[in-house]
Amino acid sequence: MAFLADVFAPLEPTRFATLARSFKDYRRRAAVRRRIFNELSALSDRELCDLNISRFDCRQIADEAARRA
């Protein structure tokens, strides 16, 4: 019976705070990823070439920027 009480017990405040912080961090990183990708996608092929970036690298660069944010 104690097992069921543990399983269905409400979340502890620290667990909820950790979950909320993780979700907030995810949303922040997603916003960075989206902003970087949109900015790179808006550049012309010539501008990307001047930056030595291939159009295929835009998503990878955005992912890396979000990981470091």
PDB file of N, CA and C in Angstrom:
ATOM      1  N   MET A   1       0.802  -1.183   0.000  1.00  0.00           N
ATOM      2  CA  MET A   1       0.000   0.000   0.000  1.00  0.00           C
ATOM      3  C   MET A   1       0.857   1.265   0.000  1.00  0.00           C
ATOM      4  N   ALA A   2       1.963   1.211   0.716  1.00  0.00           N
ATOM      5  CA  ALA A   2       2.839   2.375   0.775  1.00  0.00           C
ATOM      6  C   ALA A   2       3.405   2.700  -0.600  1.00  0.00           C
ATOM      7  N   PHE A   3       3.625   1.665  -1.403  1.00  0.00           N
ATOM      8  CA  PHE A   3       4.141   1.878  -2.759  1.00  0.00           C
ATOM      9  C   PHE A   3       3.180   2.739  -3.572  1.00  0.00           C
ATOM     10  N   LEU A   4       1.882   2.423  -3.506  1.00  0.00           N
ATOM     11  CA  LEU A   4       0.895   3.200  -4.250  1.00  0.00           C
ATOM     12  C   LEU A   4       0.828   4.635  -3.758  1.00  0.00           C
ATOM     13  N   ALA A   5       0.983   4.835  -2.468  1.00  0.00           N
ATOM     14  CA  ALA A   5       0.979   6.190  -1.918  1.00  0.00           C
ATOM     15  C   ALA A   5       2.169   6.975  -2.460  1.00  0.00           C
ATOM     16  N   ASP A   6       3.310   6.325  -2.607  1.00  0.00           N
ATOM     17  CA  ASP A   6       4.489   6.997  -3.152  1.00  0.00           C
ATOM     18  C   ASP A   6       4.318   7.318  -4.627  1.00  0.00           C
ATOM     19  N   VAL A   7       3.711   6.413  -5.365  1.00  0.00           N
ATOM     20  CA  VAL A   7       3.543   6.601  -6.799  1.00  0.00           C
ATOM     21  C   VAL A   7       2.571   7.736  -7.097  1.00  0.00           C
ATOM     22  N   PHE A   8       1.492   7.790  -6.352  1.00  0.00           N
ATOM     23  CA  PHE A   8       0.459   8.782  -6.622  1.00  0.00           C
ATOM     24  C   PHE A   8       0.573  10.021  -5.742  1.00  0.00           C
ATOM     25  N   ALA A   9       1.663  10.161  -5.026  1.00  0.00           N
ATOM     26  CA  ALA A   9       1.867  11.333  -4.184  1.00  0.00           C
ATOM     27  C   ALA A   9       2.076  12.563  -5.065  1.00  0.00           C
ATOM     28  N   PRO A  10       1.615  13.711  -4.608  1.00  0.00           N
ATOM     29  CA  PRO A  10       1.831  14.929  -5.402  1.00  0.00           C
ATOM     30  C   PRO A  10       3.319  15.235  -5.519  1.00  0.00           C
ATOM     31  N   LEU A  11       3.649  15.991  -6.546  1.00  0.00           N
ATOM     32  CA  LEU A  11       5.054  16.345  -6.752  1.00  0.00           C
ATOM     33  C   LEU A  11       5.564  17.205  -5.602  1.00  0.00           C
ATOM     34  N   GLU A  12       6.769  16.947  -5.200  1.00  0.00           N
ATOM     35  CA  GLU A  12       7.400  17.764  -4.169  1.00  0.00           C
ATOM     36  C   GLU A  12       7.716  19.127  -4.774  1.00  0.00           C
ATOM     37  N   PRO A  13       7.754  20.165  -3.952  1.00  0.00           N
ATOM     38  CA  PRO A  13       8.035  21.512  -4.490  1.00  0.00           C
ATOM     39  C   PRO A  13       9.364  21.593  -5.231  1.00  0.00           C
ATOM     40  N   THR A  14      10.378  20.892  -4.764  1.00  0.00           N
ATOM     41  CA  THR A  14      11.673  20.965  -5.436  1.00  0.00           C
ATOM     42  C   THR A  14      11.614  20.290  -6.803  1.00  0.00           C
ATOM     43  N   ARG A  15      10.859  19.210  -6.894  1.00  0.00           N
ATOM     44  CA  ARG A  15      10.718  18.526  -8.176  1.00  0.00           C
ATOM     45  C   ARG A  15       9.958  19.404  -9.157  1.00  0.00           C
ATOM     46  N   PHE A  16       8.921  20.084  -8.681  1.00  0.00           N
ATOM     47  CA  PHE A  16       8.142  20.957  -9.535  1.00  0.00           C
ATOM     48  C   PHE A  16       8.988  22.141  -9.997  1.00  0.00           C
ATOM     49  N   ALA A  17       9.788  22.696  -9.099  1.00  0.00           N
ATOM     50  CA  ALA A  17      10.654  23.823  -9.457  1.00  0.00           C
ATOM     51  C   ALA A  17      11.680  23.395 -10.502  1.00  0.00           C
ATOM     52  N   THR A  18      12.216  22.205 -10.351  1.00  0.00           N
ATOM     53  CA  THR A  18      13.178  21.687 -11.323  1.00  0.00           C
ATOM     54  C   THR A  18      12.519  21.489 -12.679  1.00  0.00           C
ATOM     55  N   LEU A  19      11.313  20.940 -12.678  1.00  0.00           N
ATOM     56  CA  LEU A  19      10.567  20.744 -13.916  1.00  0.00           C
ATOM     57  C   LEU A  19      10.258  22.082 -14.582  1.00  0.00           C
ATOM     58  N   ALA A  20       9.826  23.056 -13.801  1.00  0.00           N
ATOM     59  CA  ALA A  20       9.511  24.379 -14.342  1.00  0.00           C
ATOM     60  C   ALA A  20      10.767  25.036 -14.920  1.00  0.00           C
ATOM     61  N   ARG A  21      11.890  24.903 -14.222  1.00  0.00           N
ATOM     62  CA  ARG A  21      13.145  25.488 -14.707  1.00  0.00           C
ATOM     63  C   ARG A  21      13.597  24.822 -16.001  1.00  0.00           C
ATOM     64  N   SER A  22      13.443  23.503 -16.070  1.00  0.00           N
ATOM     65  CA  SER A  22      13.815  22.786 -17.288  1.00  0.00           C
ATOM     66  C   SER A  22      12.963  23.230 -18.469  1.00  0.00           C
ATOM     67  N   PHE A  23      11.679  23.392 -18.235  1.00  0.00           N
ATOM     68  CA  PHE A  23      10.780  23.834 -19.298  1.00  0.00           C
ATOM     69  C   PHE A  23      11.115  25.253 -19.729  1.00  0.00           C
ATOM     70  N   LYS A  24      11.434  26.112 -18.774  1.00  0.00           N
ATOM     71  CA  LYS A  24      11.801  27.502 -19.091  1.00  0.00           C
ATOM     72  C   LYS A  24      13.096  27.539 -19.911  1.00  0.00           C
ATOM     73  N   ASP A  25      14.071  26.724 -19.533  1.00  0.00           N
ATOM     74  CA  ASP A  25      15.329  26.649 -20.281  1.00  0.00           C
ATOM     75  C   ASP A  25      15.093  26.129 -21.704  1.00  0.00           C
ATOM     76  N   TYR A  26      14.225  25.120 -21.831  1.00  0.00           N
ATOM     77  CA  TYR A  26      13.900  24.578 -23.149  1.00  0.00           C
ATOM     78  C   TYR A  26      13.279  25.655 -24.034  1.00  0.00           C
ATOM     79  N   ARG A  27      12.337  26.406 -23.473  1.00  0.00           N
ATOM     80  CA  ARG A  27      11.671  27.462 -24.253  1.00  0.00           C
ATOM     81  C   ARG A  27      12.668  28.545 -24.671  1.00  0.00           C
ATOM     82  N   ARG A  28      13.592  28.893 -23.772  1.00  0.00           N
ATOM     83  CA  ARG A  28      14.595  29.919 -24.085  1.00  0.00           C
ATOM     84  C   ARG A  28      15.514  29.435 -25.207  1.00  0.00           C
ATOM     85  N   ARG A  29      15.962  28.180 -25.109  1.00  0.00           N
ATOM     86  CA  ARG A  29      16.831  27.635 -26.153  1.00  0.00           C
ATOM     87  C   ARG A  29      16.099  27.508 -27.483  1.00  0.00           C
ATOM     88  N   ALA A  30      14.833  27.142 -27.437  1.00  0.00           N
ATOM     89  CA  ALA A  30      14.044  27.041 -28.670  1.00  0.00           C
ATOM     90  C   ALA A  30      13.886  28.405 -29.328  1.00  0.00           C
ATOM     91  N   ALA A  31      13.714  29.442 -28.526  1.00  0.00           N
ATOM     92  CA  ALA A  31      13.590  30.800 -29.074  1.00  0.00           C
ATOM     93  C   ALA A  31      14.901  31.235 -29.729  1.00  0.00           C
ATOM     94  N   VAL A  32      16.024  30.917 -29.097  1.00  0.00           N
ATOM     95  CA  VAL A  32      17.334  31.254 -29.677  1.00  0.00           C
ATOM     96  C   VAL A  32      17.525  30.504 -30.984  1.00  0.00           C
ATOM     97  N   ARG A  33      17.220  29.217 -30.981  1.00  0.00           N
ATOM     98  CA  ARG A  33      17.366  28.394 -32.183  1.00  0.00           C
ATOM     99  C   ARG A  33      16.522  28.949 -33.334  1.00  0.00           C
ATOM    100  N   ARG A  34      15.273  29.268 -33.025  1.00  0.00           N
ATOM    101  CA  ARG A  34      14.362  29.781 -34.053  1.00  0.00           C
ATOM    102  C   ARG A  34      14.834  31.126 -34.603  1.00  0.00           C
ATOM    103  N   ARG A  35      15.298  32.033 -33.698  1.00  0.00           N
ATOM    104  CA  ARG A  35      15.744  33.358 -34.129  1.00  0.00           C
ATOM    105  C   ARG A  35      16.979  33.262 -35.020  1.00  0.00           C
ATOM    106  N   ILE A  36      17.960  32.462 -34.615  1.00  0.00           N
ATOM    107  CA  ILE A  36      19.188  32.302 -35.395  1.00  0.00           C
ATOM    108  C   ILE A  36      18.882  31.678 -36.747  1.00  0.00           C
ATOM    109  N   PHE A  37      18.069  30.630 -36.747  1.00  0.00           N
ATOM    110  CA  PHE A  37      17.738  29.966 -38.006  1.00  0.00           C
ATOM    111  C   PHE A  37      17.006  30.918 -38.950  1.00  0.00           C
ATOM    112  N   ASN A  38      16.060  31.686 -38.428  1.00  0.00           N
ATOM    113  CA  ASN A  38      15.323  32.625 -39.272  1.00  0.00           C
ATOM    114  C   ASN A  38      16.232  33.715 -39.833  1.00  0.00           C
ATOM    115  N   GLU A  39      17.161  34.197 -39.023  1.00  0.00           N
ATOM    116  CA  GLU A  39      18.086  35.226 -39.501  1.00  0.00           C
ATOM    117  C   GLU A  39      19.005  34.673 -40.584  1.00  0.00           C
ATOM    118  N   LEU A  40      19.520  33.473 -40.384  1.00  0.00           N
ATOM    119  CA  LEU A  40      20.389  32.880 -41.407  1.00  0.00           C
ATOM    120  C   LEU A  40      19.607  32.548 -42.683  1.00  0.00           C
ATOM    121  N   SER A  41      18.377  32.096 -42.517  1.00  0.00           N
ATOM    122  CA  SER A  41      17.556  31.750 -43.678  1.00  0.00           C
ATOM    123  C   SER A  41      17.196  32.982 -44.501  1.00  0.00           C
ATOM    124  N   ALA A  42      17.144  34.132 -43.858  1.00  0.00           N
ATOM    125  CA  ALA A  42      16.786  35.364 -44.558  1.00  0.00           C
ATOM    126  C   ALA A  42      17.933  35.885 -45.430  1.00  0.00           C
ATOM    127  N   LEU A  43      19.146  35.418 -45.181  1.00  0.00           N
ATOM    128  CA  LEU A  43      20.295  35.868 -45.970  1.00  0.00           C
ATOM    129  C   LEU A  43      20.271  35.223 -47.358  1.00  0.00           C
ATOM    130  N   SER A  44      20.817  35.937 -48.307  1.00  0.00           N
ATOM    131  CA  SER A  44      20.908  35.386 -49.659  1.00  0.00           C
ATOM    132  C   SER A  44      22.062  34.385 -49.717  1.00  0.00           C
ATOM    133  N   ASP A  45      22.098  33.615 -50.795  1.00  0.00           N
ATOM    134  CA  ASP A  45      23.187  32.656 -50.970  1.00  0.00           C
ATOM    135  C   ASP A  45      24.533  33.368 -51.031  1.00  0.00           C
ATOM    136  N   ARG A  46      24.546  34.544 -51.626  1.00  0.00           N
ATOM    137  CA  ARG A  46      25.789  35.313 -51.734  1.00  0.00           C
ATOM    138  C   ARG A  46      26.283  35.757 -50.355  1.00  0.00           C
ATOM    139  N   GLU A  47      25.347  36.237 -49.521  1.00  0.00           N
ATOM    140  CA  GLU A  47      25.726  36.674 -48.183  1.00  0.00           C
ATOM    141  C   GLU A  47      26.214  35.490 -47.333  1.00  0.00           C
ATOM    142  N   LEU A  48      25.550  34.361 -47.465  1.00  0.00           N
ATOM    143  CA  LEU A  48      25.996  33.168 -46.741  1.00  0.00           C
ATOM    144  C   LEU A  48      27.379  32.730 -47.216  1.00  0.00           C
ATOM    145  N   CYS A  49      27.602  32.830 -48.509  1.00  0.00           N
ATOM    146  CA  CYS A  49      28.913  32.466 -49.066  1.00  0.00           C
ATOM    147  C   CYS A  49      29.997  33.400 -48.522  1.00  0.00           C
ATOM    148  N   ASP A  50      29.666  34.693 -48.393  1.00  0.00           N
ATOM    149  CA  ASP A  50      30.630  35.643 -47.823  1.00  0.00           C
ATOM    150  C   ASP A  50      30.984  35.293 -46.378  1.00  0.00           C
ATOM    151  N   LEU A  51      30.039  34.705 -45.664  1.00  0.00           N
ATOM    152  CA  LEU A  51      30.275  34.281 -44.285  1.00  0.00           C
ATOM    153  C   LEU A  51      30.859  32.878 -44.194  1.00  0.00           C
ATOM    154  N   ASN A  52      31.067  32.270 -45.363  1.00  0.00           N
ATOM    155  CA  ASN A  52      31.590  30.912 -45.458  1.00  0.00           C
ATOM    156  C   ASN A  52      30.644  29.904 -44.791  1.00  0.00           C
ATOM    157  N   ILE A  53      29.334  30.097 -45.044  1.00  0.00           N
ATOM    158  CA  ILE A  53      28.305  29.219 -44.492  1.00  0.00           C
ATOM    159  C   ILE A  53      27.483  28.672 -45.651  1.00  0.00           C
ATOM    160  N   SER A  54      27.275  27.387 -45.651  1.00  0.00           N
ATOM    161  CA  SER A  54      26.397  26.766 -46.630  1.00  0.00           C
ATOM    162  C   SER A  54      24.962  26.847 -46.117  1.00  0.00           C
ATOM    163  N   ARG A  55      24.003  26.917 -47.006  1.00  0.00           N
ATOM    164  CA  ARG A  55      22.599  26.957 -46.596  1.00  0.00           C
ATOM    165  C   ARG A  55      22.236  25.701 -45.804  1.00  0.00           C
ATOM    166  N   PHE A  56      22.903  24.603 -46.099  1.00  0.00           N
ATOM    167  CA  PHE A  56      22.640  23.356 -45.384  1.00  0.00           C
ATOM    168  C   PHE A  56      23.163  23.386 -43.949  1.00  0.00           C
ATOM    169  N   ASP A  57      24.051  24.314 -43.648  1.00  0.00           N
ATOM    170  CA  ASP A  57      24.623  24.419 -42.300  1.00  0.00           C
ATOM    171  C   ASP A  57      23.791  25.286 -41.360  1.00  0.00           C
ATOM    172  N   CYS A  58      22.780  25.955 -41.868  1.00  0.00           N
ATOM    173  CA  CYS A  58      22.013  26.904 -41.049  1.00  0.00           C
ATOM    174  C   CYS A  58      21.390  26.235 -39.837  1.00  0.00           C
ATOM    175  N   ARG A  59      20.778  25.090 -40.027  1.00  0.00           N
ATOM    176  CA  ARG A  59      20.121  24.414 -38.899  1.00  0.00           C
ATOM    177  C   ARG A  59      21.156  23.971 -37.866  1.00  0.00           C
ATOM    178  N   GLN A  60      22.280  23.462 -38.326  1.00  0.00           N
ATOM    179  CA  GLN A  60      23.322  23.014 -37.401  1.00  0.00           C
ATOM    180  C   GLN A  60      23.883  24.188 -36.604  1.00  0.00           C
ATOM    181  N   ILE A  61      24.077  25.314 -37.249  1.00  0.00           N
ATOM    182  CA  ILE A  61      24.590  26.504 -36.562  1.00  0.00           C
ATOM    183  C   ILE A  61      23.573  26.989 -35.532  1.00  0.00           C
ATOM    184  N   ALA A  62      22.291  26.983 -35.893  1.00  0.00           N
ATOM    185  CA  ALA A  62      21.248  27.400 -34.954  1.00  0.00           C
ATOM    186  C   ALA A  62      21.176  26.450 -33.760  1.00  0.00           C
ATOM    187  N   ASP A  63      21.308  25.163 -34.002  1.00  0.00           N
ATOM    188  CA  ASP A  63      21.300  24.182 -32.914  1.00  0.00           C
ATOM    189  C   ASP A  63      22.474  24.395 -31.971  1.00  0.00           C
ATOM    190  N   GLU A  64      23.628  24.648 -32.535  1.00  0.00           N
ATOM    191  CA  GLU A  64      24.833  24.869 -31.718  1.00  0.00           C
ATOM    192  C   GLU A  64      24.691  26.152 -30.895  1.00  0.00           C
ATOM    193  N   ALA A  65      24.141  27.204 -31.492  1.00  0.00           N
ATOM    194  CA  ALA A  65      23.939  28.455 -30.765  1.00  0.00           C
ATOM    195  C   ALA A  65      22.956  28.247 -29.609  1.00  0.00           C
ATOM    196  N   ALA A  66      21.917  27.481 -29.851  1.00  0.00           N
ATOM    197  CA  ALA A  66      20.927  27.218 -28.797  1.00  0.00           C
ATOM    198  C   ALA A  66      21.531  26.374 -27.690  1.00  0.00           C
ATOM    199  N   ARG A  67      22.392  25.439 -28.033  1.00  0.00           N
ATOM    200  CA  ARG A  67      23.035  24.596 -27.026  1.00  0.00           C
ATOM    201  C   ARG A  67      23.933  25.412 -26.116  1.00  0.00           C
ATOM    202  N   ARG A  68      24.566  26.451 -26.666  1.00  0.00           N
ATOM    203  CA  ARG A  68      25.472  27.274 -25.880  1.00  0.00           C
ATOM    204  C   ARG A  68      24.753  28.387 -25.115  1.00  0.00           C
ATOM    205  N   ALA A  69      23.492  28.641 -25.460  1.00  0.00           N
ATOM    206  CA  ALA A  69      22.746  29.731 -24.811  1.00  0.00           C
ATOM    207  C   ALA A  69      22.294  29.347 -23.425  1.00  0.00           C
TER     208      ALA A  69
END
